[in-house]
N, C-alpha and C. Protein backbone atom coordinates (compact mmCIF):
# COMPACT_ATOMS: atom_id res chain seq x y z
N MET A 1 -12.61 10.59 29.66
CA MET A 1 -13.60 11.28 30.47
C MET A 1 -14.81 10.38 30.60
N ALA A 2 -15.26 10.14 31.85
CA ALA A 2 -16.36 9.20 32.10
C ALA A 2 -17.66 9.77 31.57
N ARG A 3 -18.48 8.88 31.01
CA ARG A 3 -19.79 9.32 30.53
C ARG A 3 -20.78 9.26 31.68
N SER A 4 -21.77 10.15 31.63
CA SER A 4 -22.81 10.12 32.65
C SER A 4 -23.67 8.89 32.45
N GLU A 5 -24.48 8.54 33.49
CA GLU A 5 -25.36 7.38 33.37
C GLU A 5 -26.29 7.55 32.19
N GLU A 6 -26.75 8.79 31.96
CA GLU A 6 -27.70 9.03 30.87
C GLU A 6 -27.04 8.79 29.53
N GLN A 7 -25.71 9.24 29.42
CA GLN A 7 -25.00 9.05 28.17
C GLN A 7 -24.65 7.58 27.96
N ALA A 8 -24.36 6.87 29.05
CA ALA A 8 -23.91 5.49 28.94
C ALA A 8 -25.04 4.52 28.66
N ALA A 9 -26.26 4.93 29.02
CA ALA A 9 -27.39 4.00 28.86
C ALA A 9 -27.59 3.66 27.40
N GLU A 10 -27.72 2.40 27.13
CA GLU A 10 -27.96 1.96 25.77
C GLU A 10 -29.43 2.10 25.44
N PRO A 11 -29.78 2.51 24.23
CA PRO A 11 -31.19 2.61 23.88
C PRO A 11 -31.84 1.23 23.88
N ASP A 12 -33.11 1.20 24.29
CA ASP A 12 -33.84 -0.06 24.30
C ASP A 12 -33.96 -0.60 22.89
N ALA A 13 -33.83 -1.91 22.75
CA ALA A 13 -33.98 -2.54 21.44
C ALA A 13 -35.43 -2.44 21.00
N VAL A 14 -35.64 -2.13 19.75
CA VAL A 14 -36.99 -2.02 19.21
C VAL A 14 -37.38 -3.36 18.62
N THR A 15 -38.48 -3.90 19.13
CA THR A 15 -38.95 -5.20 18.63
C THR A 15 -39.84 -4.98 17.44
N PRO A 16 -39.52 -5.57 16.30
CA PRO A 16 -40.35 -5.38 15.10
C PRO A 16 -41.77 -5.86 15.35
N ALA A 17 -42.73 -5.09 14.80
CA ALA A 17 -44.13 -5.49 14.94
C ALA A 17 -44.36 -6.81 14.21
N PRO A 18 -45.11 -7.72 14.85
CA PRO A 18 -45.36 -9.00 14.18
C PRO A 18 -46.12 -8.79 12.90
N ARG A 19 -45.74 -9.55 11.87
CA ARG A 19 -46.41 -9.40 10.59
C ARG A 19 -47.82 -9.97 10.66
N GLY A 20 -47.98 -11.15 11.24
CA GLY A 20 -49.29 -11.68 11.51
C GLY A 20 -50.13 -11.93 10.28
N ARG A 21 -51.38 -12.35 10.52
CA ARG A 21 -52.25 -12.71 9.43
C ARG A 21 -52.83 -11.50 8.71
N VAL A 22 -52.92 -10.36 9.44
CA VAL A 22 -53.56 -9.19 8.83
C VAL A 22 -52.82 -8.75 7.58
N ARG A 23 -51.46 -8.70 7.65
CA ARG A 23 -50.69 -8.26 6.50
C ARG A 23 -50.80 -9.28 5.37
N LEU A 24 -50.81 -10.57 5.71
CA LEU A 24 -50.95 -11.60 4.69
C LEU A 24 -52.30 -11.50 4.01
N ARG A 25 -53.33 -11.23 4.77
CA ARG A 25 -54.65 -11.11 4.18
C ARG A 25 -54.75 -9.89 3.30
N ARG A 26 -54.11 -8.80 3.71
CA ARG A 26 -54.13 -7.60 2.86
C ARG A 26 -53.46 -7.89 1.52
N ALA A 27 -52.36 -8.65 1.58
CA ALA A 27 -51.70 -9.01 0.33
C ALA A 27 -52.60 -9.87 -0.53
N ALA A 28 -53.37 -10.75 0.11
CA ALA A 28 -54.27 -11.61 -0.65
C ALA A 28 -55.35 -10.79 -1.33
N LEU A 29 -55.86 -9.76 -0.63
CA LEU A 29 -56.88 -8.89 -1.23
C LEU A 29 -56.36 -8.24 -2.49
N MET A 30 -55.13 -7.77 -2.45
CA MET A 30 -54.57 -7.07 -3.60
C MET A 30 -54.34 -8.02 -4.77
N ALA A 31 -54.31 -9.32 -4.48
CA ALA A 31 -54.02 -10.28 -5.53
C ALA A 31 -55.26 -10.78 -6.25
N ILE A 32 -56.47 -10.39 -5.76
CA ILE A 32 -57.69 -10.87 -6.42
C ILE A 32 -57.73 -10.33 -7.85
N PRO A 33 -57.86 -11.20 -8.84
CA PRO A 33 -57.79 -10.74 -10.24
C PRO A 33 -59.03 -10.01 -10.68
N ALA A 34 -58.84 -9.10 -11.63
CA ALA A 34 -59.98 -8.35 -12.17
C ALA A 34 -60.84 -9.20 -13.06
N CYS A 35 -60.37 -10.39 -13.42
CA CYS A 35 -61.15 -11.21 -14.34
C CYS A 35 -62.40 -11.77 -13.68
N VAL A 36 -62.52 -11.68 -12.34
CA VAL A 36 -63.77 -12.07 -11.71
C VAL A 36 -64.80 -11.00 -12.08
N ALA A 37 -65.78 -11.36 -12.89
CA ALA A 37 -66.64 -10.35 -13.50
C ALA A 37 -68.04 -10.38 -12.93
N GLY A 38 -68.64 -9.22 -12.86
CA GLY A 38 -70.07 -9.09 -12.59
C GLY A 38 -70.44 -9.24 -11.15
N GLY A 39 -71.74 -9.33 -10.89
CA GLY A 39 -72.28 -9.52 -9.57
C GLY A 39 -73.78 -9.40 -9.60
N VAL A 40 -74.48 -10.09 -8.68
CA VAL A 40 -75.92 -9.94 -8.63
C VAL A 40 -76.31 -9.35 -7.30
N LEU A 41 -76.43 -10.17 -6.30
CA LEU A 41 -76.85 -9.73 -5.00
C LEU A 41 -75.61 -9.37 -4.20
N MET A 42 -75.50 -8.14 -3.75
CA MET A 42 -74.23 -7.62 -3.27
C MET A 42 -74.14 -7.56 -1.76
N ALA A 43 -72.99 -7.05 -1.27
CA ALA A 43 -72.80 -7.02 0.16
C ALA A 43 -72.17 -5.74 0.65
N LEU A 44 -72.48 -4.61 0.06
CA LEU A 44 -72.08 -3.31 0.59
C LEU A 44 -73.33 -2.50 0.89
N THR A 45 -73.22 -1.53 1.78
CA THR A 45 -74.35 -0.65 2.07
C THR A 45 -74.33 0.53 1.12
N ALA A 46 -75.40 1.35 1.17
CA ALA A 46 -75.47 2.51 0.28
C ALA A 46 -74.36 3.50 0.58
N GLN A 47 -73.86 3.48 1.81
CA GLN A 47 -72.79 4.41 2.17
C GLN A 47 -71.43 3.92 1.67
N GLY A 48 -71.38 2.75 1.09
CA GLY A 48 -70.12 2.25 0.54
C GLY A 48 -69.26 1.54 1.56
N VAL A 49 -69.86 1.04 2.64
CA VAL A 49 -69.10 0.31 3.65
C VAL A 49 -69.21 -1.17 3.35
N LEU A 50 -68.12 -1.91 3.53
CA LEU A 50 -68.14 -3.35 3.23
C LEU A 50 -69.22 -4.05 4.02
N ALA A 51 -69.84 -5.04 3.36
CA ALA A 51 -70.91 -5.79 3.97
C ALA A 51 -70.47 -6.49 5.23
N ALA A 52 -69.17 -6.74 5.36
CA ALA A 52 -68.69 -7.44 6.53
C ALA A 52 -68.87 -6.64 7.80
N GLN A 53 -69.53 -5.48 7.73
CA GLN A 53 -69.88 -4.77 8.95
C GLN A 53 -70.96 -5.54 9.70
N PHE A 54 -71.62 -6.52 9.06
CA PHE A 54 -72.44 -7.46 9.82
C PHE A 54 -71.76 -8.83 9.76
N SER A 55 -71.98 -9.64 10.77
CA SER A 55 -71.32 -10.95 10.84
C SER A 55 -72.07 -11.93 9.96
N ILE A 56 -71.33 -12.59 9.06
CA ILE A 56 -71.96 -13.57 8.18
C ILE A 56 -72.19 -14.88 8.93
N SER A 57 -73.15 -15.66 8.46
CA SER A 57 -73.47 -16.93 9.12
C SER A 57 -72.39 -17.97 8.88
N GLY A 58 -71.64 -17.82 7.78
CA GLY A 58 -70.67 -18.84 7.41
C GLY A 58 -71.27 -19.95 6.60
N MET A 59 -72.52 -19.76 6.14
CA MET A 59 -73.20 -20.73 5.27
C MET A 59 -73.34 -20.10 3.89
N PRO A 60 -72.59 -20.55 2.89
CA PRO A 60 -72.68 -19.94 1.56
C PRO A 60 -74.00 -20.30 0.89
N PHE A 61 -74.44 -19.44 -0.04
CA PHE A 61 -75.66 -19.71 -0.79
C PHE A 61 -75.40 -19.47 -2.27
N THR A 62 -76.16 -20.17 -3.10
CA THR A 62 -75.99 -20.11 -4.55
C THR A 62 -77.05 -19.20 -5.16
N VAL A 63 -76.63 -18.39 -6.14
CA VAL A 63 -77.54 -17.52 -6.89
C VAL A 63 -77.34 -17.78 -8.37
N THR A 64 -78.43 -17.97 -9.10
CA THR A 64 -78.36 -18.09 -10.55
C THR A 64 -79.38 -17.16 -11.18
N ALA A 65 -79.14 -16.77 -12.42
CA ALA A 65 -80.08 -15.96 -13.20
C ALA A 65 -79.79 -16.18 -14.67
N ASP A 66 -80.85 -16.16 -15.48
CA ASP A 66 -80.64 -16.28 -16.93
C ASP A 66 -79.87 -15.08 -17.46
N ARG A 67 -80.15 -13.91 -16.88
CA ARG A 67 -79.50 -12.69 -17.37
C ARG A 67 -79.51 -11.62 -16.28
N LEU A 68 -78.41 -10.91 -16.18
CA LEU A 68 -78.30 -9.72 -15.32
C LEU A 68 -77.89 -8.54 -16.17
N ASP A 69 -78.60 -7.42 -16.03
CA ASP A 69 -78.22 -6.16 -16.66
C ASP A 69 -78.03 -5.12 -15.56
N GLY A 70 -76.86 -4.50 -15.52
CA GLY A 70 -76.58 -3.54 -14.47
C GLY A 70 -75.99 -2.25 -15.00
N THR A 71 -76.30 -1.16 -14.32
CA THR A 71 -75.73 0.16 -14.60
C THR A 71 -74.95 0.61 -13.39
N GLY A 72 -73.67 0.99 -13.61
CA GLY A 72 -72.80 1.37 -12.50
C GLY A 72 -72.28 0.14 -11.80
N PHE A 73 -71.10 -0.33 -12.21
CA PHE A 73 -70.54 -1.59 -11.70
C PHE A 73 -69.15 -1.38 -11.11
N GLU A 74 -68.90 -2.00 -9.95
CA GLU A 74 -67.58 -2.00 -9.33
C GLU A 74 -67.29 -3.38 -8.76
N GLN A 75 -65.99 -3.71 -8.66
CA GLN A 75 -65.60 -4.99 -8.07
C GLN A 75 -64.20 -4.90 -7.49
N PHE A 76 -64.02 -5.47 -6.29
CA PHE A 76 -62.73 -5.45 -5.61
C PHE A 76 -62.74 -6.50 -4.51
N GLY A 77 -61.59 -6.73 -3.87
CA GLY A 77 -61.46 -7.75 -2.84
C GLY A 77 -61.95 -7.29 -1.49
N GLY A 78 -62.36 -8.25 -0.67
CA GLY A 78 -62.81 -7.95 0.68
C GLY A 78 -62.69 -9.16 1.59
N LEU A 79 -62.94 -8.95 2.89
CA LEU A 79 -62.96 -10.01 3.88
C LEU A 79 -64.27 -9.98 4.63
N ASP A 80 -64.94 -11.13 4.73
CA ASP A 80 -66.15 -11.24 5.53
C ASP A 80 -65.81 -11.97 6.82
N ASN A 81 -66.49 -11.60 7.90
CA ASN A 81 -66.19 -12.15 9.22
C ASN A 81 -67.42 -12.81 9.84
N MET A 82 -67.18 -13.95 10.48
CA MET A 82 -68.22 -14.62 11.26
C MET A 82 -68.15 -14.17 12.71
N ILE A 83 -69.15 -14.56 13.49
CA ILE A 83 -69.09 -14.27 14.92
C ILE A 83 -67.95 -15.06 15.55
N ASP A 84 -67.50 -14.63 16.72
CA ASP A 84 -66.46 -15.37 17.44
C ASP A 84 -66.95 -16.79 17.73
N ASN A 85 -66.07 -17.76 17.52
CA ASN A 85 -66.36 -19.16 17.79
C ASN A 85 -67.57 -19.67 17.00
N SER A 86 -67.72 -19.19 15.78
CA SER A 86 -68.83 -19.65 14.95
C SER A 86 -68.72 -21.15 14.70
N PRO A 87 -69.82 -21.89 14.79
CA PRO A 87 -69.77 -23.32 14.51
C PRO A 87 -69.52 -23.61 13.03
N ASN A 88 -69.62 -22.59 12.17
CA ASN A 88 -69.40 -22.77 10.74
C ASN A 88 -68.01 -22.33 10.29
N ALA A 89 -67.16 -21.95 11.22
CA ALA A 89 -65.84 -21.40 10.86
C ALA A 89 -64.96 -22.44 10.17
N GLY A 90 -65.03 -23.69 10.61
CA GLY A 90 -64.19 -24.72 10.02
C GLY A 90 -62.72 -24.35 10.12
N SER A 91 -62.01 -24.45 8.99
CA SER A 91 -60.57 -24.13 8.97
C SER A 91 -60.31 -22.69 8.51
N THR A 92 -61.37 -21.86 8.39
CA THR A 92 -61.21 -20.51 7.87
C THR A 92 -60.75 -19.51 8.91
N GLY A 93 -60.81 -19.87 10.18
CA GLY A 93 -60.51 -18.91 11.22
C GLY A 93 -61.61 -17.86 11.38
N GLY A 94 -62.77 -18.11 10.78
CA GLY A 94 -63.90 -17.18 10.90
C GLY A 94 -63.87 -16.05 9.90
N GLN A 95 -62.96 -16.12 8.91
CA GLN A 95 -62.87 -15.09 7.88
C GLN A 95 -62.87 -15.72 6.49
N VAL A 96 -63.56 -15.05 5.55
CA VAL A 96 -63.67 -15.56 4.19
C VAL A 96 -63.22 -14.48 3.23
N LEU A 97 -62.28 -14.80 2.35
CA LEU A 97 -61.82 -13.89 1.31
C LEU A 97 -62.82 -13.90 0.17
N VAL A 98 -63.30 -12.71 -0.23
CA VAL A 98 -64.37 -12.63 -1.23
C VAL A 98 -64.05 -11.57 -2.28
N ALA A 99 -64.75 -11.69 -3.40
CA ALA A 99 -64.78 -10.62 -4.40
C ALA A 99 -66.08 -9.86 -4.19
N VAL A 100 -65.96 -8.60 -3.84
CA VAL A 100 -67.13 -7.76 -3.61
C VAL A 100 -67.55 -7.12 -4.93
N SER A 101 -68.81 -7.31 -5.32
CA SER A 101 -69.36 -6.71 -6.53
C SER A 101 -70.47 -5.75 -6.14
N ALA A 102 -70.49 -4.59 -6.77
CA ALA A 102 -71.51 -3.58 -6.48
C ALA A 102 -72.11 -3.08 -7.78
N ILE A 103 -73.45 -2.97 -7.82
CA ILE A 103 -74.15 -2.46 -8.99
C ILE A 103 -75.17 -1.42 -8.52
N LYS A 104 -75.16 -0.26 -9.16
CA LYS A 104 -76.05 0.83 -8.76
C LYS A 104 -77.51 0.45 -8.99
N THR A 105 -77.85 0.00 -10.21
CA THR A 105 -79.19 -0.51 -10.50
C THR A 105 -79.05 -1.79 -11.31
N ALA A 106 -79.90 -2.77 -11.04
CA ALA A 106 -79.78 -4.07 -11.70
C ALA A 106 -81.15 -4.68 -11.95
N THR A 107 -81.26 -5.43 -13.05
CA THR A 107 -82.42 -6.27 -13.31
C THR A 107 -81.93 -7.69 -13.56
N LEU A 108 -82.71 -8.68 -13.08
CA LEU A 108 -82.34 -10.08 -13.23
C LEU A 108 -83.56 -10.88 -13.66
N THR A 109 -83.40 -11.73 -14.67
CA THR A 109 -84.49 -12.58 -15.13
C THR A 109 -84.27 -14.00 -14.65
N ASN A 110 -85.37 -14.61 -14.20
CA ASN A 110 -85.37 -15.99 -13.73
C ASN A 110 -84.33 -16.19 -12.63
N LEU A 111 -84.50 -15.45 -11.55
CA LEU A 111 -83.59 -15.52 -10.41
C LEU A 111 -83.89 -16.73 -9.54
N CYS A 112 -82.82 -17.41 -9.09
CA CYS A 112 -82.94 -18.52 -8.15
C CYS A 112 -81.87 -18.35 -7.07
N GLN A 113 -82.26 -18.57 -5.82
CA GLN A 113 -81.31 -18.51 -4.71
C GLN A 113 -81.58 -19.70 -3.79
N SER A 114 -80.53 -20.41 -3.40
CA SER A 114 -80.72 -21.56 -2.52
C SER A 114 -79.57 -21.68 -1.53
N VAL A 115 -79.89 -22.22 -0.35
CA VAL A 115 -78.87 -22.49 0.66
C VAL A 115 -79.09 -23.92 1.16
N ASN A 116 -77.99 -24.67 1.24
CA ASN A 116 -78.04 -26.06 1.69
C ASN A 116 -78.09 -26.08 3.21
N LEU A 117 -79.16 -26.65 3.76
CA LEU A 117 -79.34 -26.71 5.21
C LEU A 117 -78.96 -28.07 5.78
N GLY A 118 -78.38 -28.93 4.91
CA GLY A 118 -78.01 -30.26 5.37
C GLY A 118 -79.20 -31.20 5.26
N GLY A 119 -79.34 -31.85 4.13
CA GLY A 119 -80.47 -32.74 3.92
C GLY A 119 -81.62 -32.12 3.15
N THR A 120 -81.68 -30.79 3.12
CA THR A 120 -82.68 -30.09 2.34
C THR A 120 -82.15 -28.72 1.95
N ASN A 121 -82.79 -28.07 0.98
CA ASN A 121 -82.38 -26.76 0.51
C ASN A 121 -83.53 -25.77 0.68
N LEU A 122 -83.23 -24.60 1.24
CA LEU A 122 -84.18 -23.50 1.24
C LEU A 122 -84.01 -22.76 -0.08
N LYS A 123 -85.06 -22.72 -0.89
CA LYS A 123 -84.97 -22.25 -2.27
C LYS A 123 -85.95 -21.11 -2.52
N ILE A 124 -85.48 -20.05 -3.17
CA ILE A 124 -86.29 -18.90 -3.53
C ILE A 124 -86.17 -18.67 -5.03
N THR A 125 -87.30 -18.49 -5.71
CA THR A 125 -87.30 -18.09 -7.11
C THR A 125 -88.14 -16.83 -7.28
N ALA A 126 -87.81 -16.04 -8.29
CA ALA A 126 -88.55 -14.80 -8.58
C ALA A 126 -88.17 -14.32 -9.97
N GLY A 127 -89.00 -13.44 -10.53
CA GLY A 127 -88.70 -12.87 -11.84
C GLY A 127 -88.76 -13.90 -12.94
N THR A 128 -89.59 -14.93 -12.79
CA THR A 128 -89.67 -15.99 -13.78
C THR A 128 -90.66 -15.66 -14.90
N GLY A 129 -91.50 -14.62 -14.71
CA GLY A 129 -92.48 -14.24 -15.71
C GLY A 129 -91.96 -13.10 -16.58
N SER A 130 -92.87 -12.21 -16.97
CA SER A 130 -92.50 -11.10 -17.86
C SER A 130 -91.84 -9.95 -17.10
N THR A 131 -91.96 -9.93 -15.77
CA THR A 131 -91.39 -8.84 -14.97
C THR A 131 -90.15 -9.34 -14.24
N PRO A 132 -88.97 -8.75 -14.50
CA PRO A 132 -87.74 -9.22 -13.87
C PRO A 132 -87.60 -8.71 -12.44
N VAL A 133 -86.69 -9.31 -11.70
CA VAL A 133 -86.28 -8.80 -10.39
C VAL A 133 -85.51 -7.50 -10.60
N THR A 134 -85.75 -6.51 -9.73
CA THR A 134 -85.02 -5.25 -9.79
C THR A 134 -84.40 -4.95 -8.44
N ALA A 135 -83.25 -4.28 -8.47
CA ALA A 135 -82.55 -3.92 -7.24
C ALA A 135 -81.77 -2.64 -7.44
N SER A 136 -81.60 -1.90 -6.34
CA SER A 136 -80.76 -0.70 -6.37
C SER A 136 -79.73 -0.78 -5.26
N ASP A 137 -78.55 -0.19 -5.52
CA ASP A 137 -77.43 -0.24 -4.56
C ASP A 137 -77.25 -1.67 -4.06
N LEU A 138 -77.09 -2.57 -5.01
CA LEU A 138 -77.02 -4.00 -4.76
C LEU A 138 -75.56 -4.43 -4.66
N THR A 139 -75.25 -5.27 -3.67
CA THR A 139 -73.87 -5.77 -3.53
C THR A 139 -73.88 -7.24 -3.16
N THR A 140 -72.87 -7.96 -3.59
CA THR A 140 -72.67 -9.36 -3.19
C THR A 140 -71.21 -9.60 -2.83
N ASP A 141 -71.01 -10.51 -1.89
CA ASP A 141 -69.67 -11.01 -1.56
C ASP A 141 -69.61 -12.45 -2.04
N SER A 142 -68.77 -12.73 -3.03
CA SER A 142 -68.74 -14.05 -3.68
C SER A 142 -67.34 -14.63 -3.65
N ASP A 143 -67.26 -15.97 -3.65
CA ASP A 143 -65.97 -16.61 -3.88
C ASP A 143 -65.97 -17.43 -5.16
N VAL A 144 -67.12 -17.54 -5.83
CA VAL A 144 -67.20 -18.16 -7.15
C VAL A 144 -68.22 -17.37 -7.97
N LEU A 145 -67.85 -17.05 -9.23
CA LEU A 145 -68.77 -16.38 -10.14
C LEU A 145 -68.48 -16.85 -11.55
N THR A 146 -69.53 -17.29 -12.27
CA THR A 146 -69.36 -17.72 -13.65
C THR A 146 -70.49 -17.14 -14.50
N GLY A 147 -70.26 -17.07 -15.81
CA GLY A 147 -71.25 -16.57 -16.75
C GLY A 147 -70.57 -15.98 -17.97
N ASP A 148 -71.39 -15.49 -18.90
CA ASP A 148 -70.89 -14.81 -20.10
C ASP A 148 -71.09 -13.31 -19.90
N ALA A 149 -69.99 -12.58 -19.69
CA ALA A 149 -70.07 -11.18 -19.27
C ALA A 149 -69.59 -10.23 -20.35
N SER A 150 -70.22 -9.06 -20.40
CA SER A 150 -69.76 -7.97 -21.26
C SER A 150 -69.90 -6.66 -20.50
N PHE A 151 -68.97 -5.71 -20.78
CA PHE A 151 -68.91 -4.44 -20.06
C PHE A 151 -68.82 -3.29 -21.05
N SER A 152 -69.22 -2.11 -20.62
CA SER A 152 -68.96 -0.90 -21.40
C SER A 152 -68.12 0.05 -20.57
N ASN A 153 -67.11 0.66 -21.22
CA ASN A 153 -66.22 1.62 -20.57
C ASN A 153 -65.62 1.06 -19.28
N ILE A 154 -65.01 -0.11 -19.38
CA ILE A 154 -64.43 -0.74 -18.19
C ILE A 154 -63.04 -0.18 -17.90
N GLN A 155 -62.73 -0.04 -16.62
CA GLN A 155 -61.41 0.37 -16.14
C GLN A 155 -60.91 -0.73 -15.21
N ILE A 156 -59.77 -1.32 -15.51
CA ILE A 156 -59.23 -2.44 -14.74
C ILE A 156 -57.93 -2.02 -14.07
N GLY A 157 -57.79 -2.35 -12.80
CA GLY A 157 -56.56 -2.09 -12.08
C GLY A 157 -56.57 -0.83 -11.24
N GLY A 158 -57.72 -0.20 -11.10
CA GLY A 158 -57.80 1.02 -10.30
C GLY A 158 -57.78 0.73 -8.80
N ASP A 159 -57.46 1.76 -8.02
CA ASP A 159 -57.52 1.67 -6.56
C ASP A 159 -58.99 1.71 -6.15
N ALA A 160 -59.44 0.71 -5.42
CA ALA A 160 -60.87 0.58 -5.09
C ALA A 160 -61.41 1.78 -4.30
N SER A 161 -60.55 2.49 -3.59
CA SER A 161 -61.02 3.62 -2.80
C SER A 161 -61.37 4.84 -3.66
N THR A 162 -61.01 4.80 -4.95
CA THR A 162 -61.29 5.94 -5.84
C THR A 162 -62.50 5.69 -6.73
N PHE A 163 -63.16 4.55 -6.61
CA PHE A 163 -64.25 4.19 -7.51
C PHE A 163 -65.50 5.04 -7.28
N THR A 164 -66.23 5.30 -8.37
CA THR A 164 -67.43 6.13 -8.29
C THR A 164 -68.62 5.56 -9.07
N ASP A 165 -68.41 4.57 -9.95
CA ASP A 165 -69.47 4.14 -10.86
C ASP A 165 -70.69 3.57 -10.14
N ALA A 166 -70.49 2.88 -9.03
CA ALA A 166 -71.61 2.31 -8.28
C ALA A 166 -71.90 3.08 -7.00
N GLY A 167 -71.16 4.16 -6.76
CA GLY A 167 -71.35 4.94 -5.54
C GLY A 167 -70.77 4.29 -4.31
N VAL A 168 -69.83 3.35 -4.50
CA VAL A 168 -69.23 2.61 -3.40
C VAL A 168 -67.72 2.82 -3.44
N GLN A 169 -67.10 3.00 -2.28
CA GLN A 169 -65.66 3.12 -2.19
C GLN A 169 -65.10 1.94 -1.41
N GLY A 170 -64.17 1.21 -2.03
CA GLY A 170 -63.56 0.06 -1.38
C GLY A 170 -62.36 0.46 -0.54
N PRO A 171 -61.60 -0.53 -0.04
CA PRO A 171 -60.43 -0.25 0.78
C PRO A 171 -59.30 0.40 -0.03
N GLN A 172 -58.51 1.22 0.60
CA GLN A 172 -57.38 1.86 -0.05
C GLN A 172 -56.32 0.82 -0.42
N GLY A 173 -55.73 1.00 -1.62
CA GLY A 173 -54.65 0.14 -2.04
C GLY A 173 -55.08 -1.22 -2.55
N VAL A 174 -56.40 -1.43 -2.70
CA VAL A 174 -56.89 -2.73 -3.17
C VAL A 174 -57.22 -2.65 -4.65
N PHE A 175 -56.74 -3.63 -5.40
CA PHE A 175 -56.94 -3.73 -6.85
C PHE A 175 -58.42 -3.97 -7.16
N GLY A 176 -58.93 -3.29 -8.21
CA GLY A 176 -60.31 -3.51 -8.59
C GLY A 176 -60.59 -3.08 -10.01
N GLN A 177 -61.88 -3.11 -10.36
CA GLN A 177 -62.32 -2.69 -11.68
C GLN A 177 -63.69 -2.05 -11.56
N GLN A 178 -64.01 -1.16 -12.53
CA GLN A 178 -65.33 -0.56 -12.58
C GLN A 178 -65.72 -0.34 -14.04
N ALA A 179 -67.04 -0.24 -14.28
CA ALA A 179 -67.54 -0.08 -15.64
C ALA A 179 -68.87 0.65 -15.60
N ASP A 180 -69.21 1.31 -16.73
CA ASP A 180 -70.49 2.01 -16.82
C ASP A 180 -71.65 1.03 -16.77
N THR A 181 -71.54 -0.09 -17.51
CA THR A 181 -72.61 -1.10 -17.53
C THR A 181 -72.00 -2.49 -17.53
N VAL A 182 -72.82 -3.47 -17.11
CA VAL A 182 -72.41 -4.86 -17.13
C VAL A 182 -73.61 -5.70 -17.53
N THR A 183 -73.38 -6.71 -18.36
CA THR A 183 -74.39 -7.70 -18.71
C THR A 183 -73.77 -9.08 -18.52
N ILE A 184 -74.48 -9.96 -17.80
CA ILE A 184 -74.00 -11.32 -17.59
C ILE A 184 -75.13 -12.28 -17.92
N GLN A 185 -74.89 -13.18 -18.84
CA GLN A 185 -75.85 -14.23 -19.17
C GLN A 185 -75.41 -15.54 -18.53
N ASN A 186 -76.40 -16.37 -18.15
CA ASN A 186 -76.12 -17.66 -17.49
C ASN A 186 -75.29 -17.44 -16.23
N LEU A 187 -75.73 -16.52 -15.41
CA LEU A 187 -75.01 -16.14 -14.20
C LEU A 187 -75.12 -17.21 -13.12
N ARG A 188 -74.01 -17.47 -12.45
CA ARG A 188 -74.00 -18.35 -11.27
C ARG A 188 -72.98 -17.81 -10.27
N GLN A 189 -73.40 -17.69 -9.00
CA GLN A 189 -72.53 -17.20 -7.94
C GLN A 189 -72.65 -18.08 -6.71
N ASP A 190 -71.53 -18.24 -6.00
CA ASP A 190 -71.53 -18.75 -4.63
C ASP A 190 -71.25 -17.56 -3.73
N ASN A 191 -72.25 -17.17 -2.94
CA ASN A 191 -72.18 -15.93 -2.16
C ASN A 191 -72.15 -16.20 -0.66
N TRP A 192 -71.61 -15.21 0.06
CA TRP A 192 -71.57 -15.26 1.52
C TRP A 192 -72.43 -14.17 2.16
N ALA A 193 -72.72 -13.11 1.41
CA ALA A 193 -73.50 -12.01 1.98
C ALA A 193 -74.13 -11.20 0.85
N THR A 194 -75.26 -10.54 1.18
CA THR A 194 -75.99 -9.73 0.21
C THR A 194 -76.67 -8.56 0.93
N THR A 195 -76.63 -7.38 0.33
CA THR A 195 -77.49 -6.28 0.77
C THR A 195 -77.96 -5.49 -0.43
N ALA A 196 -79.05 -4.76 -0.26
CA ALA A 196 -79.57 -3.87 -1.30
C ALA A 196 -80.42 -2.81 -0.61
N VAL A 197 -80.42 -1.60 -1.17
CA VAL A 197 -81.29 -0.55 -0.65
C VAL A 197 -82.74 -0.86 -1.00
N SER A 198 -82.97 -1.33 -2.24
CA SER A 198 -84.30 -1.82 -2.62
C SER A 198 -84.11 -3.11 -3.41
N PHE A 199 -85.07 -4.04 -3.23
CA PHE A 199 -84.96 -5.35 -3.85
C PHE A 199 -86.39 -5.85 -4.09
N LYS A 200 -86.83 -5.84 -5.35
CA LYS A 200 -88.20 -6.20 -5.68
C LYS A 200 -88.21 -7.56 -6.37
N LEU A 201 -89.02 -8.50 -5.84
CA LEU A 201 -89.03 -9.88 -6.28
C LEU A 201 -90.43 -10.26 -6.77
N PRO A 202 -90.78 -9.93 -8.01
CA PRO A 202 -92.09 -10.32 -8.53
C PRO A 202 -92.19 -11.84 -8.68
N GLY A 203 -93.36 -12.38 -8.32
CA GLY A 203 -93.55 -13.82 -8.42
C GLY A 203 -92.71 -14.61 -7.43
N LEU A 204 -92.43 -14.04 -6.25
CA LEU A 204 -91.60 -14.70 -5.26
C LEU A 204 -92.20 -16.05 -4.84
N HIS A 205 -91.35 -17.06 -4.82
CA HIS A 205 -91.77 -18.40 -4.34
C HIS A 205 -90.67 -18.97 -3.46
N LEU A 206 -91.00 -19.28 -2.21
CA LEU A 206 -90.06 -19.84 -1.24
C LEU A 206 -90.52 -21.25 -0.90
N SER A 207 -89.57 -22.20 -0.90
CA SER A 207 -89.94 -23.58 -0.57
C SER A 207 -88.70 -24.34 -0.13
N PHE A 208 -88.92 -25.53 0.43
CA PHE A 208 -87.83 -26.45 0.73
C PHE A 208 -87.78 -27.48 -0.40
N SER A 209 -86.57 -27.80 -0.82
CA SER A 209 -86.42 -28.64 -2.00
C SER A 209 -85.26 -29.61 -1.83
N ASP A 210 -85.36 -30.75 -2.50
CA ASP A 210 -84.26 -31.72 -2.50
C ASP A 210 -83.06 -31.22 -3.31
N THR A 211 -83.32 -30.30 -4.22
CA THR A 211 -82.25 -29.77 -5.08
C THR A 211 -82.12 -28.27 -4.91
N GLY A 212 -80.91 -27.75 -5.10
CA GLY A 212 -80.68 -26.31 -5.06
C GLY A 212 -80.75 -25.71 -6.43
N CYS A 213 -80.28 -24.48 -6.58
CA CYS A 213 -80.32 -23.79 -7.87
C CYS A 213 -79.27 -24.35 -8.83
């Protein structure tokens, strides 16, 4: 018995969706280790949205401090984005993989921040006297962080979207850690972005220098 045209028609082949860079980058985010500890100047907003909601310049800057004390700490992976056709994109494709650190309240002693402008450094120091730098809802996006760190009540391996210690929620399915408090001595970071709801810099000094922090 002959089949009708409708019965005889073969279903259209389904073309698999391209995997592309997005899926690879998501896998990279999940692979960021929890051993990246601490954070000073952060890159999330008070609403808990990744700092990459603004376009980064693509010029990293260095932050150092003798000591950081923070209450309410979170850390997880993220991606920062430059503007289209950024002259600083290089081989990155305009995206930088970072460790996002968030601290609800923080104090920093002997803070230094510098950015290399090519031939000179724009350098900022603050909190060098008896009064430290203070910040609230502070976040940084870093690709290098070093120092001597200690935590209280740390949880490692949680889903970043469930975090509450710093009032920030990261992406779903991304590996992270959170703790009630964090202390980092001899802190050094290479950062791509920073935001804070409040940021007080006693003894602020800005200058151009042959050397960075």
